[in-house]
Amino acid sequence: MSEITFMEEGAYLFAPVVSGREDGLWEVAVLFERLADHQRDRIPAIRHKLRTVFDTREEARQAGMEHGYASIRQEDVGLPRGSSAAGVPGALAG
């Protein structure tokens, strides 16, 4: 079973998603969502995949956390600022 824990930072939520590989190494991707979009049924998101592979799950998770915080601080998430779900089919207005 998988578990995803979101961290809140500024106007965003982010979560490192760690995956084990067949060779015993670990990969991580970081999922970003805007807090403002959490009032809606469908939430636009973007995922950053780190190209580095890690020896342990914890190393991968920590790298994902660092990437998440750094991307938000540097305004390099890749989602427009504020809420943009108005144009998303099925999104609730307001």
C-alpha atoms as a PDB file:
ATOM      1  CA  MET A   1       0.000   0.000   0.000  1.00  0.00           C
ATOM      2  CA  SER A   2       1.233   3.494  -0.818  1.00  0.00           C
ATOM      3  CA  GLU A   3       0.983   6.549   1.367  1.00  0.00           C
ATOM      4  CA  ILE A   4       1.509  10.130   0.270  1.00  0.00           C
ATOM      5  CA  THR A   5       2.075  12.893   2.809  1.00  0.00           C
ATOM      6  CA  PHE A   6       1.685  16.453   1.565  1.00  0.00           C
ATOM      7  CA  MET A   7       3.721  19.297   3.010  1.00  0.00           C
ATOM      8  CA  GLU A   8       2.399  22.867   2.965  1.00  0.00           C
ATOM      9  CA  GLU A   9       4.742  25.664   1.923  1.00  0.00           C
ATOM     10  CA  GLY A  10       3.643  29.117   0.800  1.00  0.00           C
ATOM     11  CA  ALA A  11       0.793  28.848  -1.699  1.00  0.00           C
ATOM     12  CA  TYR A  12       1.513  25.177  -2.472  1.00  0.00           C
ATOM     13  CA  LEU A  13       1.229  21.637  -1.234  1.00  0.00           C
ATOM     14  CA  PHE A  14       3.904  19.174  -2.297  1.00  0.00           C
ATOM     15  CA  ALA A  15       4.609  15.509  -1.746  1.00  0.00           C
ATOM     16  CA  PRO A  16       7.680  13.426  -2.510  1.00  0.00           C
ATOM     17  CA  VAL A  17       6.579  10.127  -4.081  1.00  0.00           C
ATOM     18  CA  VAL A  18       9.250   7.442  -3.631  1.00  0.00           C
ATOM     19  CA  SER A  19       9.361   4.304  -5.791  1.00  0.00           C
ATOM     20  CA  GLY A  20      11.524   1.218  -5.430  1.00  0.00           C
ATOM     21  CA  ARG A  21      13.204  -0.195  -8.518  1.00  0.00           C
ATOM     22  CA  GLU A  22      13.818  -3.850  -9.391  1.00  0.00           C
ATOM     23  CA  ASP A  23      17.553  -3.340  -8.860  1.00  0.00           C
ATOM     24  CA  GLY A  24      16.995  -2.277  -5.242  1.00  0.00           C
ATOM     25  CA  LEU A  25      17.592   1.422  -5.829  1.00  0.00           C
ATOM     26  CA  TRP A  26      15.048   4.171  -5.216  1.00  0.00           C
ATOM     27  CA  GLU A  27      13.614   7.006  -7.333  1.00  0.00           C
ATOM     28  CA  VAL A  28      11.599  10.035  -6.309  1.00  0.00           C
ATOM     29  CA  ALA A  29       9.203  12.430  -7.987  1.00  0.00           C
ATOM     30  CA  VAL A  30       7.657  15.485  -6.329  1.00  0.00           C
ATOM     31  CA  LEU A  31       3.979  16.303  -6.856  1.00  0.00           C
ATOM     32  CA  PHE A  32       2.940  19.969  -6.529  1.00  0.00           C
ATOM     33  CA  GLU A  33      -0.579  21.402  -6.143  1.00  0.00           C
ATOM     34  CA  ARG A  34      -1.823  24.911  -5.360  1.00  0.00           C
ATOM     35  CA  LEU A  35      -3.612  25.368  -2.025  1.00  0.00           C
ATOM     36  CA  ALA A  36      -6.151  27.640  -3.725  1.00  0.00           C
ATOM     37  CA  ASP A  37      -7.305  24.745  -5.929  1.00  0.00           C
ATOM     38  CA  HIS A  38      -8.266  22.493  -3.006  1.00  0.00           C
ATOM     39  CA  GLN A  39     -11.794  23.939  -2.941  1.00  0.00           C
ATOM     40  CA  ARG A  40     -12.432  22.268  -6.304  1.00  0.00           C
ATOM     41  CA  ASP A  41     -13.294  18.765  -7.458  1.00  0.00           C
ATOM     42  CA  ARG A  42     -10.355  18.528  -9.886  1.00  0.00           C
ATOM     43  CA  ILE A  43      -6.978  19.813  -8.850  1.00  0.00           C
ATOM     44  CA  PRO A  44      -4.326  20.755 -11.422  1.00  0.00           C
ATOM     45  CA  ALA A  45      -0.911  19.422 -10.462  1.00  0.00           C
ATOM     46  CA  ILE A  46       2.587  19.057 -11.819  1.00  0.00           C
ATOM     47  CA  ARG A  47       5.177  16.389 -11.083  1.00  0.00           C
ATOM     48  CA  HIS A  48       8.945  16.893 -11.064  1.00  0.00           C
ATOM     49  CA  LYS A  49      10.909  13.661 -11.536  1.00  0.00           C
ATOM     50  CA  LEU A  50      14.394  13.734 -10.054  1.00  0.00           C
ATOM     51  CA  ARG A  51      16.924  12.003 -12.307  1.00  0.00           C
ATOM     52  CA  THR A  52      19.120  10.838  -9.434  1.00  0.00           C
ATOM     53  CA  VAL A  53      18.667   7.317  -8.066  1.00  0.00           C
ATOM     54  CA  PHE A  54      19.228   6.594  -4.375  1.00  0.00           C
ATOM     55  CA  ASP A  55      20.495   3.698  -2.277  1.00  0.00           C
ATOM     56  CA  THR A  56      17.759   4.019   0.364  1.00  0.00           C
ATOM     57  CA  ARG A  57      14.125   5.017   0.525  1.00  0.00           C
ATOM     58  CA  GLU A  58      14.944   7.660   3.148  1.00  0.00           C
ATOM     59  CA  GLU A  59      17.645   9.269   0.968  1.00  0.00           C
ATOM     60  CA  ALA A  60      15.132   9.506  -1.892  1.00  0.00           C
ATOM     61  CA  ARG A  61      12.434  10.948   0.366  1.00  0.00           C
ATOM     62  CA  GLN A  62      14.819  13.533   1.808  1.00  0.00           C
ATOM     63  CA  ALA A  63      15.968  14.592  -1.672  1.00  0.00           C
ATOM     64  CA  GLY A  64      12.309  14.978  -2.684  1.00  0.00           C
ATOM     65  CA  MET A  65      11.607  17.143   0.371  1.00  0.00           C
ATOM     66  CA  GLU A  66      14.614  19.364  -0.363  1.00  0.00           C
ATOM     67  CA  HIS A  67      13.587  19.669  -4.016  1.00  0.00           C
ATOM     68  CA  GLY A  68      10.021  20.582  -3.056  1.00  0.00           C
ATOM     69  CA  TYR A  69      11.003  23.355  -0.654  1.00  0.00           C
ATOM     70  CA  ALA A  70      13.685  24.703  -3.020  1.00  0.00           C
ATOM     71  CA  SER A  71      11.356  24.747  -6.031  1.00  0.00           C
ATOM     72  CA  ILE A  72       8.762  26.758  -4.103  1.00  0.00           C
ATOM     73  CA  ARG A  73      11.342  29.195  -2.679  1.00  0.00           C
ATOM     74  CA  GLN A  74      12.809  29.741  -6.154  1.00  0.00           C
ATOM     75  CA  GLU A  75       9.324  30.068  -7.700  1.00  0.00           C
ATOM     76  CA  ASP A  76      10.173  27.189 -10.045  1.00  0.00           C
ATOM     77  CA  VAL A  77       7.173  24.905  -9.495  1.00  0.00           C
ATOM     78  CA  GLY A  78       5.779  25.179 -13.013  1.00  0.00           C
ATOM     79  CA  LEU A  79       2.147  25.870 -12.071  1.00  0.00           C
ATOM     80  CA  PRO A  80       0.732  29.362 -12.582  1.00  0.00           C
ATOM     81  CA  ARG A  81       0.418  31.362  -9.357  1.00  0.00           C
ATOM     82  CA  GLY A  82      -3.055  31.513  -7.863  1.00  0.00           C
ATOM     83  CA  SER A  83      -5.945  29.322  -8.892  1.00  0.00           C
ATOM     84  CA  SER A  84      -6.402  28.391 -12.529  1.00  0.00           C
ATOM     85  CA  ALA A  85      -8.975  25.618 -12.167  1.00  0.00           C
ATOM     86  CA  ALA A  86     -11.706  27.780 -13.709  1.00  0.00           C
ATOM     87  CA  GLY A  87     -10.747  26.425 -17.111  1.00  0.00           C
ATOM     88  CA  VAL A  88     -10.544  22.805 -15.957  1.00  0.00           C
ATOM     89  CA  PRO A  89     -13.548  20.672 -16.983  1.00  0.00           C
ATOM     90  CA  GLY A  90     -15.505  19.603 -13.889  1.00  0.00           C
ATOM     91  CA  ALA A  91     -13.931  22.251 -11.663  1.00  0.00           C
ATOM     92  CA  LEU A  92     -16.225  24.157  -9.352  1.00  0.00           C
ATOM     93  CA  ALA A  93     -16.484  27.890  -9.800  1.00  0.00           C
ATOM     94  CA  GLY A  94     -15.180  30.152  -7.038  1.00  0.00           C
END
